[in-house]
N, C-alpha and C. Protein backbone atom coordinates (compact mmCIF):
# COMPACT_ATOMS: atom_id res chain seq x y z
N MET A 1 20.12 -57.45 114.73
CA MET A 1 18.32 -57.67 115.00
C MET A 1 19.31 -58.21 115.92
N ASN A 2 18.73 -57.78 117.50
CA ASN A 2 19.34 -57.74 118.48
C ASN A 2 17.92 -58.13 119.83
N ALA A 3 17.97 -59.63 120.13
CA ALA A 3 16.81 -59.61 120.50
C ALA A 3 17.33 -59.38 122.27
N SER A 4 16.92 -58.20 122.78
CA SER A 4 16.58 -58.44 123.90
C SER A 4 15.34 -58.26 125.11
N VAL A 5 15.71 -58.87 126.53
CA VAL A 5 14.33 -58.49 127.06
C VAL A 5 14.09 -57.65 127.96
N SER A 6 13.24 -56.58 127.78
CA SER A 6 13.46 -55.68 129.35
C SER A 6 13.54 -56.37 130.30
N ASP A 7 14.32 -55.48 130.50
CA ASP A 7 13.91 -55.67 132.79
C ASP A 7 12.08 -55.96 133.25
N SER A 8 11.01 -55.36 132.53
CA SER A 8 9.94 -55.70 133.57
C SER A 8 9.66 -56.91 132.79
N GLU A 9 9.88 -57.09 131.07
CA GLU A 9 9.59 -58.19 131.02
C GLU A 9 10.22 -59.76 131.84
N GLN A 10 11.64 -59.17 131.59
CA GLN A 10 12.21 -60.30 133.03
C GLN A 10 11.55 -60.62 134.21
N GLU A 11 11.83 -59.24 135.11
CA GLU A 11 10.19 -59.37 136.32
C GLU A 11 9.89 -60.66 136.33
N GLN A 12 8.71 -60.44 135.18
CA GLN A 12 7.52 -61.57 134.61
C GLN A 12 7.63 -62.61 134.47
N ASN A 13 8.70 -62.54 134.65
CA ASN A 13 9.15 -63.79 134.05
C ASN A 13 9.73 -64.76 136.05
N VAL A 14 9.73 -63.95 136.88
CA VAL A 14 10.05 -64.60 137.95
C VAL A 14 9.16 -65.14 138.49
N ILE A 15 10.27 -65.92 139.60
CA ILE A 15 9.57 -66.58 139.99
C ILE A 15 9.65 -67.14 141.82
N GLU A 16 9.06 -66.75 143.02
CA GLU A 16 9.61 -65.97 143.71
C GLU A 16 9.26 -66.88 145.42
N VAL A 17 9.25 -67.19 146.09
CA VAL A 17 8.34 -67.83 147.11
C VAL A 17 7.31 -67.25 148.62
N GLN A 18 6.31 -66.82 148.28
CA GLN A 18 5.68 -66.48 149.22
C GLN A 18 5.63 -66.34 150.01
N ASP A 19 5.31 -67.71 150.99
CA ASP A 19 4.83 -68.64 151.99
C ASP A 19 4.70 -70.07 150.73
N THR A 20 4.87 -70.83 152.67
CA THR A 20 4.53 -72.71 153.07
C THR A 20 3.14 -71.96 153.18
N VAL A 21 2.51 -73.51 152.39
CA VAL A 21 1.63 -73.56 153.29
C VAL A 21 0.60 -75.04 152.88
N ILE A 22 0.27 -75.16 153.94
CA ILE A 22 -0.43 -76.55 154.62
C ILE A 22 -1.86 -76.96 153.53
N VAL A 23 -2.35 -78.39 152.90
CA VAL A 23 -3.01 -77.78 152.39
C VAL A 23 -3.25 -78.90 152.52
N LYS A 24 -4.95 -79.84 152.51
CA LYS A 24 -5.86 -81.61 152.24
C LYS A 24 -6.25 -81.23 152.00
N SER A 25 -6.57 -82.66 151.27
CA SER A 25 -7.39 -82.77 150.46
C SER A 25 -8.87 -82.88 151.17
N LYS A 26 -10.28 -83.41 150.41
CA LYS A 26 -11.32 -84.12 150.12
C LYS A 26 -11.00 -85.62 151.24
N VAL A 27 -11.57 -86.26 152.55
CA VAL A 27 -11.48 -87.62 152.60
C VAL A 27 -12.09 -88.17 150.82
N PHE A 28 -11.31 -89.33 150.99
CA PHE A 28 -11.15 -90.27 150.18
C PHE A 28 -10.91 -91.94 150.75
N GLU A 29 -11.59 -93.06 149.80
CA GLU A 29 -11.88 -94.77 150.81
C GLU A 29 -9.98 -95.06 149.60
N VAL A 30 -9.19 -95.63 149.68
CA VAL A 30 -8.18 -96.08 149.26
C VAL A 30 -7.98 -97.31 150.29
N ASN A 31 -8.09 -98.70 149.11
CA ASN A 31 -8.56 -99.98 149.94
C ASN A 31 -8.95 -99.54 151.36
N LYS A 32 -9.91 -99.82 151.13
CA LYS A 32 -10.93 -99.72 152.11
C LYS A 32 -10.39 -99.02 154.04
N LEU A 33 -10.11 -97.72 153.08
CA LEU A 33 -9.48 -96.75 154.69
C LEU A 33 -10.03 -95.10 154.16
N LYS A 34 -10.29 -94.65 155.15
CA LYS A 34 -10.63 -92.89 154.38
C LYS A 34 -9.08 -92.12 154.38
N CYS A 35 -8.45 -91.53 153.51
CA CYS A 35 -8.07 -91.18 154.14
C CYS A 35 -7.84 -89.85 153.17
N TYR A 36 -6.78 -88.82 153.51
CA TYR A 36 -6.83 -87.35 152.56
C TYR A 36 -4.76 -87.35 152.63
N TRP A 37 -4.65 -87.41 151.72
CA TRP A 37 -3.65 -86.34 150.95
C TRP A 37 -3.74 -84.74 151.91
N GLU A 38 -1.98 -85.05 152.33
CA GLU A 38 -2.07 -83.86 153.23
C GLU A 38 -0.84 -82.40 152.46
N TYR A 39 -0.41 -81.80 151.61
CA TYR A 39 0.79 -80.97 150.88
C TYR A 39 0.82 -79.81 151.94
N THR A 40 1.97 -80.28 151.67
CA THR A 40 3.40 -78.75 151.72
C THR A 40 3.80 -78.71 150.94
N ALA A 41 3.57 -76.37 150.26
CA ALA A 41 4.08 -76.60 149.34
C ALA A 41 3.55 -75.57 149.15
N GLU A 42 4.71 -74.49 148.54
CA GLU A 42 4.94 -73.11 148.21
C GLU A 42 3.65 -72.57 147.41
N ARG A 43 3.50 -71.23 147.97
CA ARG A 43 2.93 -70.26 147.61
C ARG A 43 4.41 -69.24 146.40
N LEU A 44 4.10 -69.11 145.42
CA LEU A 44 4.58 -68.28 144.18
C LEU A 44 4.35 -67.63 143.45
N ILE A 45 4.35 -66.61 144.00
CA ILE A 45 4.23 -65.28 142.47
C ILE A 45 5.29 -64.87 141.79
N ARG A 46 4.67 -63.76 140.69
CA ARG A 46 4.51 -63.57 139.57
C ARG A 46 5.13 -64.78 138.20
N VAL A 47 4.05 -65.62 138.38
CA VAL A 47 4.36 -66.79 137.68
C VAL A 47 3.79 -66.54 136.40
N LYS A 48 4.36 -65.69 134.66
CA LYS A 48 3.85 -65.12 134.46
C LYS A 48 3.24 -66.06 133.20
N ASP A 49 2.29 -65.81 133.30
CA ASP A 49 0.72 -66.89 132.48
C ASP A 49 0.81 -68.17 133.69
N GLN A 50 0.24 -67.96 134.47
CA GLN A 50 0.16 -69.21 135.23
C GLN A 50 -0.66 -68.99 136.07
N GLU A 51 -1.25 -68.96 135.76
CA GLU A 51 -2.77 -69.88 136.63
C GLU A 51 -2.58 -70.64 138.14
N HIS A 52 -2.05 -71.47 137.98
CA HIS A 52 -1.54 -72.12 139.76
C HIS A 52 -0.37 -71.94 140.23
N ASN A 53 -1.24 -71.40 141.80
CA ASN A 53 0.73 -70.54 142.20
C ASN A 53 0.79 -71.59 143.20
N LEU A 54 0.77 -73.48 143.64
CA LEU A 54 0.85 -74.39 145.23
C LEU A 54 2.36 -74.44 144.23
N ARG A 55 3.38 -74.94 144.31
CA ARG A 55 4.52 -76.19 144.53
C ARG A 55 4.52 -77.05 145.36
N ILE A 56 4.00 -78.19 145.50
CA ILE A 56 4.85 -78.54 146.03
C ILE A 56 5.08 -79.55 146.83
N ILE A 57 6.12 -79.30 147.30
CA ILE A 57 7.68 -79.78 147.89
C ILE A 57 7.49 -80.56 148.83
N GLN A 58 6.56 -81.25 149.45
CA GLN A 58 6.06 -82.24 150.48
C GLN A 58 4.65 -83.37 150.24
N MET A 59 4.55 -84.26 150.35
CA MET A 59 2.41 -85.07 149.97
C MET A 59 2.53 -85.65 150.89
N GLN A 60 2.37 -86.10 151.76
CA GLN A 60 1.93 -87.37 152.69
C GLN A 60 0.09 -87.73 152.67
N LEU A 61 -0.03 -88.64 152.87
CA LEU A 61 -0.91 -89.97 152.50
C LEU A 61 -1.82 -90.16 153.84
N LYS A 62 -2.14 -89.71 154.66
CA LYS A 62 -2.53 -89.75 155.85
C LYS A 62 -3.97 -90.20 155.70
N GLU A 63 -3.87 -90.82 157.34
CA GLU A 63 -4.95 -92.24 157.63
C GLU A 63 -6.88 -91.00 157.87
N ALA A 64 -7.68 -91.14 157.42
CA ALA A 64 -8.33 -89.15 158.57
C ALA A 64 -8.99 -90.33 159.71
N GLY A 65 -9.22 -89.14 161.05
CA GLY A 65 -9.49 -89.16 161.84
C GLY A 65 -8.35 -90.31 163.17
N LYS A 66 -7.77 -89.87 162.87
CA LYS A 66 -5.76 -90.93 163.23
C LYS A 66 -4.87 -90.09 162.76
N GLU A 67 -5.04 -89.73 161.62
CA GLU A 67 -3.41 -88.93 161.50
C GLU A 67 -2.45 -89.97 160.72
N ARG A 68 -2.67 -90.89 160.61
CA ARG A 68 -1.31 -92.39 161.03
C ARG A 68 -0.36 -91.71 159.05
N VAL A 69 0.33 -91.30 159.48
CA VAL A 69 1.08 -91.86 157.95
C VAL A 69 1.52 -93.22 157.01
N LEU A 70 -0.11 -92.89 155.99
CA LEU A 70 0.23 -94.16 155.27
C LEU A 70 1.12 -93.79 154.14
N PHE A 71 1.76 -93.84 153.45
CA PHE A 71 2.46 -93.37 152.69
C PHE A 71 2.45 -91.66 152.31
N THR A 72 4.32 -91.47 152.72
CA THR A 72 5.42 -90.58 151.81
C THR A 72 6.08 -90.56 150.87
N PRO A 73 5.85 -89.68 149.10
CA PRO A 73 6.25 -90.62 148.57
C PRO A 73 7.50 -89.49 147.97
N GLU A 74 8.54 -89.70 147.85
CA GLU A 74 8.90 -88.88 147.10
C GLU A 74 9.42 -88.10 146.22
N ASN A 75 9.63 -86.36 145.80
CA ASN A 75 8.71 -85.53 144.88
C ASN A 75 9.36 -85.94 144.19
N SER A 76 9.22 -86.09 143.14
CA SER A 76 9.28 -86.46 141.94
C SER A 76 9.36 -85.89 141.02
N PRO A 77 10.59 -85.98 140.26
CA PRO A 77 10.20 -84.25 138.67
C PRO A 77 8.54 -83.12 138.39
N ASP A 78 8.20 -84.65 138.32
CA ASP A 78 6.63 -83.96 137.85
C ASP A 78 5.68 -83.34 138.85
N LEU A 79 6.56 -83.86 140.27
CA LEU A 79 6.02 -82.74 141.40
C LEU A 79 5.99 -81.84 141.50
N ALA A 80 7.38 -81.67 141.67
CA ALA A 80 8.55 -80.99 141.10
C ALA A 80 8.55 -79.33 140.82
N ASN A 81 8.38 -79.38 139.19
CA ASN A 81 7.30 -78.56 138.10
C ASN A 81 6.13 -78.77 137.23
N THR A 82 5.54 -78.66 138.95
CA THR A 82 4.12 -78.62 138.06
C THR A 82 3.33 -77.41 139.79
N PHE A 83 3.07 -76.27 138.10
CA PHE A 83 2.19 -75.21 139.38
C PHE A 83 -0.40 -77.06 139.62
N TYR A 84 0.24 -75.92 140.83
CA TYR A 84 -1.52 -76.61 141.21
C TYR A 84 -2.51 -75.04 141.85
N SER A 85 -3.72 -75.50 141.83
CA SER A 85 -4.70 -74.78 142.71
C SER A 85 -4.89 -74.67 144.01
N LEU A 86 -5.33 -73.50 144.78
CA LEU A 86 -5.06 -74.24 146.40
C LEU A 86 -7.11 -75.02 146.33
N THR A 87 -7.54 -74.97 144.87
CA THR A 87 -9.41 -75.61 145.34
C THR A 87 -8.54 -77.27 144.15
N GLU A 88 -7.91 -77.43 143.07
CA GLU A 88 -6.85 -78.65 142.75
C GLU A 88 -6.47 -79.28 143.99
N LEU A 89 -5.65 -78.99 144.56
CA LEU A 89 -5.39 -79.96 145.55
C LEU A 89 -6.56 -80.47 146.71
N GLU A 90 -6.91 -79.20 146.88
CA GLU A 90 -8.11 -79.66 148.67
C GLU A 90 -8.34 -80.95 147.66
N ASN A 91 -9.51 -80.00 146.21
CA ASN A 91 -11.07 -81.17 145.48
C ASN A 91 -11.00 -82.36 145.51
N ASN A 92 -9.40 -82.74 145.23
CA ASN A 92 -9.18 -84.14 144.31
C ASN A 92 -8.43 -85.05 145.44
N GLY A 93 -8.76 -85.90 145.53
CA GLY A 93 -7.74 -86.77 145.84
C GLY A 93 -6.77 -87.51 145.50
N ASP A 94 -7.04 -87.81 144.26
CA ASP A 94 -6.67 -88.81 143.40
C ASP A 94 -5.83 -88.34 142.25
N TYR A 95 -6.04 -86.46 142.20
CA TYR A 95 -5.61 -85.45 141.16
C TYR A 95 -4.04 -85.69 141.31
N VAL A 96 -3.25 -85.87 141.90
CA VAL A 96 -2.08 -85.51 142.20
C VAL A 96 -1.60 -87.32 141.64
N ILE A 97 -1.46 -87.91 142.39
CA ILE A 97 -0.73 -89.41 141.62
C ILE A 97 -2.47 -90.03 142.41
N SER A 98 -2.95 -91.07 140.98
CA SER A 98 -3.19 -92.36 141.42
C SER A 98 -3.27 -93.30 141.65
N CYS A 99 -3.60 -93.98 142.48
CA CYS A 99 -4.22 -95.38 142.43
C CYS A 99 -4.37 -96.34 142.43
N GLU A 100 -3.30 -97.43 141.46
CA GLU A 100 -3.72 -98.33 140.72
C GLU A 100 -2.82 -100.30 140.87
N ASP A 101 -3.84 -101.08 141.04
CA ASP A 101 -2.98 -101.65 140.52
C ASP A 101 -2.64 -102.75 140.68
N LYS A 102 -1.01 -102.62 141.09
CA LYS A 102 0.34 -103.13 140.07
C LYS A 102 1.06 -104.04 140.56
N ASN A 103 0.44 -105.23 141.55
CA ASN A 103 1.43 -106.17 141.18
C ASN A 103 -0.27 -107.50 141.11
N ALA A 104 -1.77 -106.75 140.59
CA ALA A 104 -2.85 -108.09 140.33
C ALA A 104 -3.06 -108.56 142.15
N ASP A 105 -2.99 -108.43 143.08
CA ASP A 105 -3.35 -108.37 144.50
C ASP A 105 -4.53 -108.01 144.93
N SER A 106 -5.34 -107.52 144.53
CA SER A 106 -6.59 -106.31 143.84
C SER A 106 -6.71 -105.57 145.44
N TRP A 107 -5.17 -104.87 145.30
CA TRP A 107 -4.81 -104.13 146.40
C TRP A 107 -4.10 -102.66 145.27
N CYS A 108 -5.04 -101.69 145.94
CA CYS A 108 -4.83 -101.08 145.54
C CYS A 108 -3.02 -100.13 146.13
N ASP A 109 -2.04 -100.01 144.54
CA ASP A 109 -1.18 -99.57 144.82
C ASP A 109 -0.47 -97.96 144.82
N TYR A 110 0.51 -97.47 145.17
CA TYR A 110 0.69 -96.22 144.01
C TYR A 110 2.57 -96.85 143.74
N GLU A 111 2.88 -95.12 142.13
CA GLU A 111 3.85 -95.66 141.34
C GLU A 111 3.96 -93.97 141.63
N ILE A 112 5.32 -93.91 141.53
CA ILE A 112 5.62 -92.63 141.89
C ILE A 112 6.75 -91.83 140.44
N LEU A 113 7.20 -91.30 139.82
CA LEU A 113 7.77 -91.57 138.50
C LEU A 113 8.96 -91.21 140.08
N PHE A 114 10.50 -91.56 138.37
CA PHE A 114 11.42 -89.67 139.30
C PHE A 114 12.86 -90.14 139.15
N GLU A 115 12.35 -90.70 137.36
CA GLU A 115 13.68 -90.42 136.30
C GLU A 115 13.06 -90.28 134.98
N ARG A 116 12.81 -89.32 134.50
CA ARG A 116 13.55 -89.82 132.81
C ARG A 116 14.14 -89.47 131.55
N ALA A 117 14.84 -90.37 131.13
CA ALA A 117 16.43 -90.78 130.09
C ALA A 117 16.11 -90.61 128.95
N ALA A 118 16.65 -90.49 128.19
CA ALA A 118 16.46 -90.92 126.89
C ALA A 118 16.12 -90.45 125.98
N ALA A 119 15.31 -88.94 126.33
CA ALA A 119 14.21 -88.05 125.39
C ALA A 119 13.27 -89.05 126.20
N GLY A 120 13.11 -89.24 126.89
CA GLY A 120 12.02 -89.87 127.29
C GLY A 120 11.67 -91.75 127.35
N ALA A 121 12.39 -91.71 126.60
CA ALA A 121 11.95 -93.33 126.10
C ALA A 121 12.08 -94.54 127.41
N ASN A 122 13.29 -94.00 129.25
CA ASN A 122 13.24 -94.84 129.11
C ASN A 122 13.29 -93.47 130.69
N THR A 123 11.63 -94.99 131.32
CA THR A 123 10.89 -93.68 132.30
C THR A 123 11.08 -94.59 133.37
N SER A 124 11.79 -93.73 134.12
CA SER A 124 11.96 -94.95 135.60
C SER A 124 10.56 -94.90 137.20
N THR A 125 10.45 -95.63 137.60
CA THR A 125 8.99 -95.06 138.78
C THR A 125 9.65 -95.65 139.90
N ASN A 126 8.96 -95.52 141.24
CA ASN A 126 9.62 -96.39 142.09
C ASN A 126 8.07 -96.57 143.06
N VAL A 127 7.42 -98.01 143.14
CA VAL A 127 6.26 -99.17 142.98
C VAL A 127 6.38 -98.51 145.40
N PHE A 128 5.42 -98.35 145.40
CA PHE A 128 4.73 -98.69 146.64
C PHE A 128 3.34 -99.02 146.93
N LEU A 129 3.59 -101.07 146.93
CA LEU A 129 2.84 -101.34 147.60
C LEU A 129 1.51 -101.81 148.01
N PHE A 130 0.55 -101.92 148.61
CA PHE A 130 0.13 -101.47 149.57
C PHE A 130 0.08 -102.75 150.29
N ASP A 131 0.18 -102.73 152.31
CA ASP A 131 0.53 -103.95 152.70
C ASP A 131 -0.70 -104.33 153.68
N PRO A 132 -1.86 -105.54 153.51
CA PRO A 132 -2.71 -105.26 154.44
C PRO A 132 -2.27 -105.51 155.12
N LYS A 133 -1.42 -106.48 155.85
CA LYS A 133 -1.30 -106.21 157.37
C LYS A 133 -0.86 -105.53 158.16
N SER A 134 -0.11 -104.66 157.41
CA SER A 134 0.41 -103.06 158.25
C SER A 134 -0.43 -101.59 157.80
N SER A 135 -1.05 -102.06 156.52
CA SER A 135 -2.29 -100.78 156.04
C SER A 135 -2.00 -99.83 155.78
N LYS A 136 -0.34 -100.21 155.06
CA LYS A 136 0.41 -98.96 154.37
C LYS A 136 0.67 -99.35 152.93
N PHE A 137 1.28 -98.35 152.71
CA PHE A 137 2.02 -98.65 151.77
C PHE A 137 3.59 -98.41 151.64
N GLU A 138 4.59 -99.65 151.10
CA GLU A 138 6.07 -99.72 151.27
C GLU A 138 6.50 -100.33 150.20
N TYR A 139 7.76 -99.42 149.58
CA TYR A 139 8.46 -99.76 148.28
C TYR A 139 9.34 -100.66 148.36
N SER A 140 8.62 -101.33 147.14
CA SER A 140 9.00 -102.31 145.89
C SER A 140 10.06 -102.55 145.48
N GLN A 141 10.92 -102.96 145.62
CA GLN A 141 12.74 -102.71 144.66
C GLN A 141 12.09 -103.62 143.72
N LEU A 142 11.11 -105.56 143.24
CA LEU A 142 10.54 -106.04 142.81
C LEU A 142 10.88 -104.95 141.56
N PHE A 143 9.35 -104.43 141.44
CA PHE A 143 8.69 -103.51 140.79
C PHE A 143 8.83 -101.98 140.16
N SER A 144 9.78 -101.71 141.08
CA SER A 144 10.11 -100.49 140.42
C SER A 144 11.80 -100.39 139.92
N GLY A 145 11.40 -99.97 139.08
CA GLY A 145 12.84 -99.42 137.86
C GLY A 145 11.89 -99.01 136.37
N THR A 146 12.78 -99.25 135.40
CA THR A 146 12.61 -98.92 134.50
C THR A 146 11.92 -99.59 132.95
N ASN A 147 11.24 -99.20 132.99
CA ASN A 147 9.66 -99.09 132.11
C ASN A 147 8.89 -100.86 132.42
N MET A 148 8.64 -100.97 134.19
CA MET A 148 8.50 -101.73 134.21
C MET A 148 7.42 -102.40 133.67
N GLU A 149 6.49 -102.98 133.79
CA GLU A 149 5.36 -104.36 133.23
C GLU A 149 5.22 -105.85 133.91
N TYR A 150 3.88 -105.88 134.81
CA TYR A 150 4.51 -107.13 135.25
C TYR A 150 3.36 -107.35 134.95
N ASP A 151 2.85 -108.82 134.24
CA ASP A 151 2.20 -110.25 133.14
C ASP A 151 1.29 -110.66 134.14
N LYS A 152 0.47 -110.58 134.98
CA LYS A 152 -0.16 -111.63 135.60
C LYS A 152 -0.52 -112.76 134.94
N ASP A 153 -0.34 -113.16 133.94
CA ASP A 153 -0.18 -114.73 134.14
C ASP A 153 0.31 -115.07 133.45
N LYS A 154 1.35 -115.11 133.22
CA LYS A 154 2.93 -115.54 133.13
C LYS A 154 3.41 -115.41 134.32
N ASN A 155 2.69 -113.82 135.22
CA ASN A 155 4.05 -114.30 136.90
C ASN A 155 4.49 -113.44 136.18
N MET A 156 4.70 -112.09 135.78
CA MET A 156 6.35 -111.98 134.86
C MET A 156 6.53 -110.77 134.89
N ILE A 157 8.08 -110.25 135.87
CA ILE A 157 8.20 -108.27 135.71
C ILE A 157 8.83 -108.65 134.07
N LYS A 158 9.07 -107.20 133.00
CA LYS A 158 9.74 -107.11 131.83
C LYS A 158 10.13 -105.96 132.99
N THR A 159 11.41 -105.36 132.63
CA THR A 159 11.74 -104.10 131.78
C THR A 159 11.96 -103.49 130.36
N PHE A 160 12.86 -102.80 130.69
CA PHE A 160 12.40 -102.20 128.84
C PHE A 160 14.26 -100.65 128.85
N TRP A 161 14.95 -101.89 128.52
CA TRP A 161 16.12 -100.16 128.79
C TRP A 161 16.06 -99.99 127.04
N LYS A 162 16.42 -98.52 126.76
CA LYS A 162 16.90 -97.98 125.29
C LYS A 162 17.58 -97.53 126.18
N MET A 163 18.98 -98.06 124.81
CA MET A 163 20.30 -97.46 125.34
C MET A 163 20.43 -96.67 123.80
N SER A 164 20.12 -97.09 123.13
CA SER A 164 21.01 -96.08 121.55
C SER A 164 19.56 -96.27 120.41
N VAL A 165 19.90 -95.29 119.13
CA VAL A 165 18.67 -96.25 118.31
C VAL A 165 18.06 -96.83 118.24
N ASP A 166 19.59 -98.25 118.41
CA ASP A 166 18.88 -99.49 117.94
C ASP A 166 19.81 -100.14 118.71
N ASP A 167 19.78 -100.39 120.05
CA ASP A 167 20.37 -101.19 121.18
C ASP A 167 19.37 -100.38 122.31
N TYR A 168 18.68 -101.79 122.68
CA TYR A 168 18.12 -102.48 123.65
C TYR A 168 18.11 -103.71 124.57
N VAL A 169 18.18 -102.76 125.74
CA VAL A 169 18.49 -104.09 126.77
C VAL A 169 16.64 -104.19 128.12
N LEU A 170 16.26 -105.62 127.54
CA LEU A 170 14.81 -106.58 127.92
C LEU A 170 15.63 -107.73 129.54
N THR A 171 15.39 -107.44 130.27
CA THR A 171 15.11 -107.90 130.83
C THR A 171 13.72 -109.10 132.21
N TYR A 172 13.54 -109.86 131.62
CA TYR A 172 12.73 -110.90 132.38
C TYR A 172 12.68 -111.42 133.99
N THR A 173 11.43 -110.91 134.98
CA THR A 173 12.10 -111.64 135.80
C THR A 173 10.87 -112.22 136.14
N TYR A 174 10.74 -113.92 136.59
CA TYR A 174 9.18 -115.22 136.90
C TYR A 174 9.80 -114.93 137.81
N PHE A 175 8.15 -115.33 138.76
CA PHE A 175 8.34 -115.91 139.89
C PHE A 175 7.65 -116.83 140.13
N ASP A 176 7.79 -116.85 141.92
CA ASP A 176 6.11 -117.82 142.11
C ASP A 176 5.58 -116.89 142.78
N GLY A 177 5.51 -116.17 143.92
CA GLY A 177 4.85 -115.64 144.71
C GLY A 177 5.27 -113.89 144.65
N ARG A 178 4.66 -113.95 145.27
CA ARG A 178 4.07 -111.55 145.53
C ARG A 178 5.07 -111.11 146.60
């Protein structure tokens, strides 16, 4: 049995970049700052069975009214392989990535996926902690890594690596300050 695909079926699956657009989200508040996301996205055409047709190629968190850039995350695999509608990007400030306190200092921080390995068992992320002095998000090597967990009670960071079926590596980092 020959499972060939017709030319018309192949054409329906082809993704082509129509143009690049700049999309701004609604203004929202994070860490007492009025902000918005500015997305640079490719508008795609001929995406079979896809309602969404924008793929983010860059995003920046900007302070509303001042246009000051607070944070420019790298384009993670999740962002590069996800399609969004114009409405989703415009109306939802935390739709693409959400802010949460990663280091228990009461400030909201961002965590960005940059790699999945070992069939998804190892998830590596970069964490950007909010610096209240500069009012920006700064990369934190200490809180970035693979399968990171912060234990506030023990003031400890734990990392976990799955090496093979029965082989794991755990690391613990205890510290006094943040």
